[in-house]
Amino acid sequence: MSIVLETYETEQGMMVAAADVSVVGELFEEDGVRVDVDEEFYGKTDRTVPREEVVERLRRASIANLVGETAVDAGVEAEVVDEENVLRVEGVPHAQMVRL
């Protein structure tokens, strides 16, 4: 599965936004939780990156937003996401990470 990736510099450090291509442009809502996988934030579907690049950037990130099976699995591999803390919205995995 292909992943889109955007990085942003914030006052807290690097923020990574990554999503599976298959969910970009989608909106998921369930039990008051809303996940909008906006192409402007997560990245354009014509600019995918290898999973290894996502893992490497996540290891250096201070903040991360991940949506989709492959993107969230990359967060688990990078050891910035605990599988037990992954939220599923309409069956789609979503994880956020903040390093303090």
N, C-alpha and C. Protein backbone atom coordinates (compact mmCIF):
# COMPACT_ATOMS: atom_id res chain seq x y z
N MET A 1 0.85 -1.19 0.00
CA MET A 1 0.00 0.00 0.00
C MET A 1 0.89 1.24 0.00
N SER A 2 0.55 2.18 -0.83
CA SER A 2 1.30 3.43 -0.94
C SER A 2 0.91 4.39 0.18
N ILE A 3 1.88 5.21 0.58
CA ILE A 3 1.67 6.17 1.66
C ILE A 3 2.02 7.56 1.16
N VAL A 4 1.20 8.55 1.52
CA VAL A 4 1.54 9.95 1.28
C VAL A 4 2.08 10.52 2.59
N LEU A 5 2.98 11.49 2.47
CA LEU A 5 3.67 12.02 3.64
C LEU A 5 3.90 13.51 3.48
N GLU A 6 3.61 14.24 4.52
CA GLU A 6 3.95 15.66 4.60
C GLU A 6 4.64 15.88 5.94
N THR A 7 5.60 16.77 5.95
CA THR A 7 6.25 17.15 7.21
C THR A 7 6.13 18.66 7.36
N TYR A 8 6.02 19.08 8.61
CA TYR A 8 5.87 20.49 8.94
C TYR A 8 6.79 20.81 10.10
N GLU A 9 7.38 21.99 10.08
CA GLU A 9 8.15 22.44 11.22
C GLU A 9 7.24 23.25 12.13
N THR A 10 7.19 22.88 13.40
CA THR A 10 6.37 23.58 14.38
C THR A 10 7.28 24.05 15.52
N GLU A 11 6.73 24.83 16.41
CA GLU A 11 7.50 25.27 17.59
C GLU A 11 7.93 24.09 18.43
N GLN A 12 7.17 22.99 18.39
CA GLN A 12 7.49 21.80 19.17
C GLN A 12 8.43 20.84 18.43
N GLY A 13 8.74 21.13 17.18
CA GLY A 13 9.60 20.26 16.39
C GLY A 13 8.89 19.79 15.13
N MET A 14 9.41 18.75 14.51
CA MET A 14 8.85 18.26 13.26
C MET A 14 7.54 17.51 13.48
N MET A 15 6.54 17.86 12.66
CA MET A 15 5.27 17.15 12.66
C MET A 15 5.19 16.35 11.38
N VAL A 16 4.78 15.09 11.50
CA VAL A 16 4.61 14.20 10.35
C VAL A 16 3.12 13.89 10.19
N ALA A 17 2.64 14.02 8.97
CA ALA A 17 1.29 13.61 8.62
C ALA A 17 1.43 12.55 7.53
N ALA A 18 0.92 11.36 7.76
CA ALA A 18 1.03 10.28 6.79
C ALA A 18 -0.28 9.52 6.72
N ALA A 19 -0.64 9.12 5.50
CA ALA A 19 -1.89 8.38 5.30
C ALA A 19 -1.75 7.43 4.12
N ASP A 20 -2.47 6.34 4.19
CA ASP A 20 -2.55 5.43 3.05
C ASP A 20 -3.23 6.18 1.90
N VAL A 21 -2.74 5.99 0.70
CA VAL A 21 -3.33 6.64 -0.47
C VAL A 21 -4.83 6.34 -0.57
N SER A 22 -5.22 5.13 -0.22
CA SER A 22 -6.62 4.71 -0.36
C SER A 22 -7.59 5.50 0.51
N VAL A 23 -7.12 6.20 1.53
CA VAL A 23 -8.02 6.96 2.41
C VAL A 23 -7.92 8.46 2.23
N VAL A 24 -6.96 8.93 1.43
CA VAL A 24 -6.79 10.37 1.22
C VAL A 24 -8.04 10.92 0.53
N GLY A 25 -8.53 12.02 1.05
CA GLY A 25 -9.74 12.64 0.51
C GLY A 25 -11.02 12.14 1.15
N GLU A 26 -10.90 11.19 2.05
CA GLU A 26 -12.07 10.60 2.72
C GLU A 26 -12.34 11.29 4.06
N LEU A 27 -13.57 11.17 4.50
CA LEU A 27 -13.98 11.66 5.81
C LEU A 27 -14.62 10.49 6.55
N PHE A 28 -14.13 10.23 7.75
CA PHE A 28 -14.64 9.13 8.56
C PHE A 28 -15.23 9.71 9.84
N GLU A 29 -16.44 9.27 10.19
CA GLU A 29 -17.10 9.75 11.40
C GLU A 29 -17.76 8.58 12.11
N GLU A 30 -17.55 8.55 13.43
CA GLU A 30 -18.17 7.49 14.24
C GLU A 30 -18.14 7.92 15.70
N ASP A 31 -19.27 7.79 16.37
CA ASP A 31 -19.39 8.08 17.80
C ASP A 31 -18.77 9.43 18.19
N GLY A 32 -19.05 10.45 17.39
CA GLY A 32 -18.56 11.79 17.70
C GLY A 32 -17.12 12.06 17.33
N VAL A 33 -16.43 11.08 16.76
CA VAL A 33 -15.05 11.26 16.32
C VAL A 33 -15.06 11.47 14.81
N ARG A 34 -14.33 12.47 14.37
CA ARG A 34 -14.28 12.82 12.94
C ARG A 34 -12.82 12.85 12.49
N VAL A 35 -12.50 12.10 11.45
CA VAL A 35 -11.16 12.09 10.87
C VAL A 35 -11.30 12.50 9.41
N ASP A 36 -10.79 13.68 9.10
CA ASP A 36 -10.83 14.22 7.74
C ASP A 36 -9.43 14.06 7.14
N VAL A 37 -9.30 13.16 6.19
CA VAL A 37 -7.99 12.87 5.60
C VAL A 37 -7.81 13.80 4.39
N ASP A 38 -7.57 15.05 4.70
CA ASP A 38 -7.46 16.11 3.71
C ASP A 38 -6.13 16.03 2.96
N GLU A 39 -6.22 16.04 1.64
CA GLU A 39 -5.04 15.96 0.79
C GLU A 39 -4.08 17.14 1.03
N GLU A 40 -4.62 18.30 1.36
CA GLU A 40 -3.78 19.47 1.62
C GLU A 40 -2.90 19.26 2.86
N PHE A 41 -3.39 18.51 3.83
CA PHE A 41 -2.63 18.28 5.06
C PHE A 41 -1.76 17.03 4.97
N TYR A 42 -2.32 15.93 4.50
CA TYR A 42 -1.60 14.65 4.49
C TYR A 42 -0.70 14.47 3.27
N GLY A 43 -1.03 15.11 2.17
CA GLY A 43 -0.18 15.01 0.98
C GLY A 43 -0.96 14.57 -0.24
N LYS A 44 -0.44 14.92 -1.37
CA LYS A 44 -1.06 14.60 -2.66
C LYS A 44 -0.83 13.13 -3.00
N THR A 45 -1.85 12.50 -3.56
CA THR A 45 -1.78 11.07 -3.85
C THR A 45 -0.81 10.73 -4.97
N ASP A 46 -0.36 11.72 -5.73
CA ASP A 46 0.61 11.45 -6.79
C ASP A 46 2.06 11.55 -6.29
N ARG A 47 2.21 11.80 -4.98
CA ARG A 47 3.55 11.90 -4.39
C ARG A 47 3.66 10.93 -3.21
N THR A 48 3.81 9.67 -3.51
CA THR A 48 3.91 8.66 -2.46
C THR A 48 5.37 8.45 -2.08
N VAL A 49 5.56 7.89 -0.90
CA VAL A 49 6.92 7.63 -0.39
C VAL A 49 6.99 6.18 0.09
N PRO A 50 8.21 5.62 0.12
CA PRO A 50 8.36 4.27 0.66
C PRO A 50 8.07 4.23 2.16
N ARG A 51 7.55 3.12 2.61
CA ARG A 51 7.26 2.93 4.04
C ARG A 51 8.49 3.23 4.90
N GLU A 52 9.67 2.84 4.44
CA GLU A 52 10.90 3.05 5.20
C GLU A 52 11.15 4.53 5.47
N GLU A 53 10.79 5.39 4.51
CA GLU A 53 10.95 6.83 4.72
C GLU A 53 10.00 7.33 5.79
N VAL A 54 8.79 6.81 5.80
CA VAL A 54 7.81 7.19 6.82
C VAL A 54 8.33 6.79 8.20
N VAL A 55 8.83 5.56 8.33
CA VAL A 55 9.37 5.08 9.59
C VAL A 55 10.52 5.97 10.06
N GLU A 56 11.42 6.30 9.17
CA GLU A 56 12.59 7.12 9.51
C GLU A 56 12.16 8.51 9.98
N ARG A 57 11.21 9.12 9.29
CA ARG A 57 10.75 10.46 9.69
C ARG A 57 10.00 10.41 11.03
N LEU A 58 9.22 9.37 11.23
CA LEU A 58 8.50 9.24 12.49
C LEU A 58 9.44 9.12 13.68
N ARG A 59 10.56 8.46 13.49
CA ARG A 59 11.53 8.31 14.58
C ARG A 59 12.12 9.66 15.00
N ARG A 60 12.08 10.64 14.10
CA ARG A 60 12.63 11.97 14.40
C ARG A 60 11.54 12.99 14.74
N ALA A 61 10.28 12.61 14.59
CA ALA A 61 9.17 13.54 14.75
C ALA A 61 8.84 13.81 16.22
N SER A 62 8.29 14.98 16.45
CA SER A 62 7.76 15.34 17.77
C SER A 62 6.26 15.14 17.83
N ILE A 63 5.62 15.25 16.66
CA ILE A 63 4.17 15.13 16.55
C ILE A 63 3.87 14.30 15.30
N ALA A 64 2.84 13.47 15.36
CA ALA A 64 2.46 12.70 14.17
C ALA A 64 0.96 12.47 14.13
N ASN A 65 0.43 12.47 12.92
CA ASN A 65 -0.95 12.12 12.63
C ASN A 65 -0.91 11.05 11.54
N LEU A 66 -1.46 9.89 11.82
CA LEU A 66 -1.39 8.75 10.91
C LEU A 66 -2.78 8.18 10.66
N VAL A 67 -3.09 7.87 9.40
CA VAL A 67 -4.39 7.29 9.06
C VAL A 67 -4.18 6.16 8.04
N GLY A 68 -4.82 5.03 8.30
CA GLY A 68 -4.75 3.89 7.39
C GLY A 68 -3.87 2.78 7.94
N GLU A 69 -4.12 1.57 7.47
CA GLU A 69 -3.39 0.39 7.97
C GLU A 69 -1.88 0.52 7.82
N THR A 70 -1.42 0.88 6.63
CA THR A 70 0.02 0.91 6.36
C THR A 70 0.70 2.05 7.11
N ALA A 71 0.09 3.22 7.12
CA ALA A 71 0.67 4.37 7.82
C ALA A 71 0.76 4.12 9.32
N VAL A 72 -0.31 3.57 9.91
CA VAL A 72 -0.30 3.29 11.35
C VAL A 72 0.69 2.17 11.66
N ASP A 73 0.77 1.16 10.81
CA ASP A 73 1.77 0.10 11.01
C ASP A 73 3.19 0.66 10.98
N ALA A 74 3.43 1.66 10.14
CA ALA A 74 4.74 2.31 10.11
C ALA A 74 5.02 2.99 11.45
N GLY A 75 3.99 3.57 12.06
CA GLY A 75 4.14 4.18 13.38
C GLY A 75 4.47 3.16 14.45
N VAL A 76 3.86 1.99 14.35
CA VAL A 76 4.16 0.91 15.30
C VAL A 76 5.60 0.45 15.09
N GLU A 77 6.01 0.27 13.83
CA GLU A 77 7.38 -0.15 13.54
C GLU A 77 8.40 0.88 14.03
N ALA A 78 8.07 2.16 13.92
CA ALA A 78 8.97 3.23 14.38
C ALA A 78 8.97 3.36 15.89
N GLU A 79 8.10 2.60 16.55
CA GLU A 79 7.95 2.60 18.00
C GLU A 79 7.49 3.94 18.56
N VAL A 80 6.61 4.61 17.78
CA VAL A 80 6.01 5.85 18.26
C VAL A 80 4.51 5.68 18.49
N VAL A 81 3.98 4.52 18.10
CA VAL A 81 2.56 4.21 18.28
C VAL A 81 2.46 2.85 18.96
N ASP A 82 1.65 2.79 20.00
CA ASP A 82 1.34 1.53 20.68
C ASP A 82 0.05 1.01 20.07
N GLU A 83 0.08 -0.22 19.57
CA GLU A 83 -1.10 -0.80 18.91
C GLU A 83 -2.34 -0.72 19.77
N GLU A 84 -2.20 -0.80 21.06
CA GLU A 84 -3.35 -0.74 21.97
C GLU A 84 -4.03 0.62 21.97
N ASN A 85 -3.32 1.66 21.51
CA ASN A 85 -3.86 3.01 21.53
C ASN A 85 -4.36 3.48 20.17
N VAL A 86 -4.41 2.59 19.20
CA VAL A 86 -4.90 2.95 17.87
C VAL A 86 -6.42 3.03 17.90
N LEU A 87 -6.94 4.14 17.42
CA LEU A 87 -8.38 4.36 17.34
C LEU A 87 -8.85 3.91 15.95
N ARG A 88 -9.99 3.27 15.90
CA ARG A 88 -10.58 2.89 14.60
C ARG A 88 -11.87 3.68 14.43
N VAL A 89 -11.94 4.39 13.32
CA VAL A 89 -13.12 5.17 12.98
C VAL A 89 -13.66 4.61 11.68
N GLU A 90 -14.86 4.08 11.73
CA GLU A 90 -15.46 3.36 10.60
C GLU A 90 -14.52 2.24 10.12
N GLY A 91 -13.80 1.64 11.06
CA GLY A 91 -12.90 0.54 10.74
C GLY A 91 -11.52 0.96 10.27
N VAL A 92 -11.29 2.24 10.08
CA VAL A 92 -10.01 2.75 9.58
C VAL A 92 -9.15 3.17 10.77
N PRO A 93 -7.91 2.64 10.86
CA PRO A 93 -7.05 3.00 11.98
C PRO A 93 -6.54 4.44 11.89
N HIS A 94 -6.48 5.06 13.07
CA HIS A 94 -6.00 6.45 13.19
C HIS A 94 -5.18 6.53 14.48
N ALA A 95 -4.00 7.14 14.38
CA ALA A 95 -3.17 7.32 15.57
C ALA A 95 -2.53 8.69 15.55
N GLN A 96 -2.38 9.23 16.74
CA GLN A 96 -1.67 10.50 16.91
C GLN A 96 -0.58 10.28 17.94
N MET A 97 0.51 11.04 17.79
CA MET A 97 1.62 10.92 18.71
C MET A 97 2.15 12.32 19.01
N VAL A 98 2.48 12.54 20.28
CA VAL A 98 3.13 13.77 20.69
C VAL A 98 4.22 13.39 21.68
N ARG A 99 5.44 13.84 21.41
CA ARG A 99 6.55 13.61 22.36
C ARG A 99 6.68 14.87 23.21
N LEU A 100 6.73 14.68 24.50
CA LEU A 100 6.87 15.82 25.42
C LEU A 100 8.30 16.00 25.84
